[in-house]
Amino acid sequence: MKLLNAGYDVWIGNNSEVDESYHATLTWEEDWKNLNWGAFGVKDLPTEIDVILDVTGAEKVTYLGYS
């Protein structure tokens, strides 16, 4: 909330590898079996950043990760 209250545009992404996230065309079991942490760095995160840049029109983002 502090970042939001300070005027930052805050986006919260989700890794496709966590229980609470499901792939649009795969079952949870298929998603878990076929994807891995490497997919997050190669597919999920770049897609999230592209969407943020496209929606906001910003030139760059600052990424903060938490596990």
Protein backbone atom coordinates (compact mmCIF):
# COMPACT_ATOMS: atom_id res chain seq x y z
CA MET A 1 0.00 0.00 0.00
CA LYS A 2 2.87 2.36 0.67
CA LEU A 3 4.00 2.28 -2.96
CA LEU A 4 0.46 2.77 -4.20
CA ASN A 5 -0.11 5.63 -1.77
CA ALA A 6 3.17 7.18 -2.93
CA GLY A 7 1.81 7.36 -6.48
CA TYR A 8 3.36 4.25 -8.02
CA ASP A 9 1.41 2.11 -10.47
CA VAL A 10 1.51 -1.26 -8.68
CA TRP A 11 0.93 -4.50 -10.56
CA ILE A 12 0.85 -7.94 -8.94
CA GLY A 13 1.77 -10.89 -11.12
CA ASN A 14 1.46 -14.57 -10.38
CA ASN A 15 3.70 -17.44 -11.35
CA SER A 16 1.95 -20.24 -13.24
CA GLU A 17 3.73 -22.72 -10.96
CA VAL A 18 1.77 -21.91 -7.79
CA ASP A 19 -1.33 -23.76 -6.62
CA GLU A 20 -3.58 -20.71 -6.88
CA SER A 21 -2.79 -20.13 -10.57
CA TYR A 22 -4.13 -22.13 -13.49
CA HIS A 23 -3.17 -22.19 -17.16
CA ALA A 24 -5.97 -21.18 -19.51
CA THR A 25 -5.88 -24.40 -21.57
CA LEU A 26 -4.24 -26.96 -19.27
CA THR A 27 -5.54 -28.75 -16.22
CA TRP A 28 -3.75 -28.00 -12.96
CA GLU A 29 -1.99 -31.39 -13.17
CA GLU A 30 -0.83 -30.78 -16.75
CA ASP A 31 0.27 -27.26 -15.89
CA TRP A 32 2.30 -28.43 -12.88
CA LYS A 33 3.86 -31.34 -14.80
CA ASN A 34 4.74 -29.41 -17.95
CA LEU A 35 5.88 -26.06 -16.58
CA ASN A 36 8.77 -25.27 -14.28
CA TRP A 37 10.47 -22.36 -12.56
CA GLY A 38 12.51 -21.76 -15.70
CA ALA A 39 9.26 -21.16 -17.59
CA PHE A 40 8.47 -18.35 -15.19
CA GLY A 41 11.64 -16.51 -16.14
CA VAL A 42 11.39 -17.29 -19.83
CA LYS A 43 7.64 -17.00 -20.46
CA ASP A 44 5.55 -15.68 -17.56
CA LEU A 45 7.63 -12.74 -16.41
CA PRO A 46 8.45 -11.31 -19.87
CA THR A 47 4.75 -11.57 -20.81
CA GLU A 48 3.71 -9.77 -17.61
CA ILE A 49 6.23 -6.99 -18.29
CA ASP A 50 5.10 -6.66 -21.92
CA VAL A 51 1.46 -6.32 -20.82
CA ILE A 52 2.35 -3.67 -18.22
CA LEU A 53 4.37 -1.66 -20.75
CA ASP A 54 1.60 -1.95 -23.34
CA VAL A 55 -1.21 -0.96 -20.97
CA THR A 56 0.62 1.88 -19.24
CA GLY A 57 2.64 3.21 -22.16
CA ALA A 58 5.66 3.33 -19.84
CA GLU A 59 9.17 2.93 -21.23
CA LYS A 60 10.41 0.75 -18.37
CA VAL A 61 9.31 -0.97 -15.17
CA THR A 62 10.92 -1.63 -11.83
CA TYR A 63 10.44 -5.25 -10.81
CA LEU A 64 10.32 -6.33 -7.18
CA GLY A 65 10.11 -10.04 -6.51
CA TYR A 66 9.04 -11.79 -3.34
CA SER A 67 8.85 -15.45 -2.50
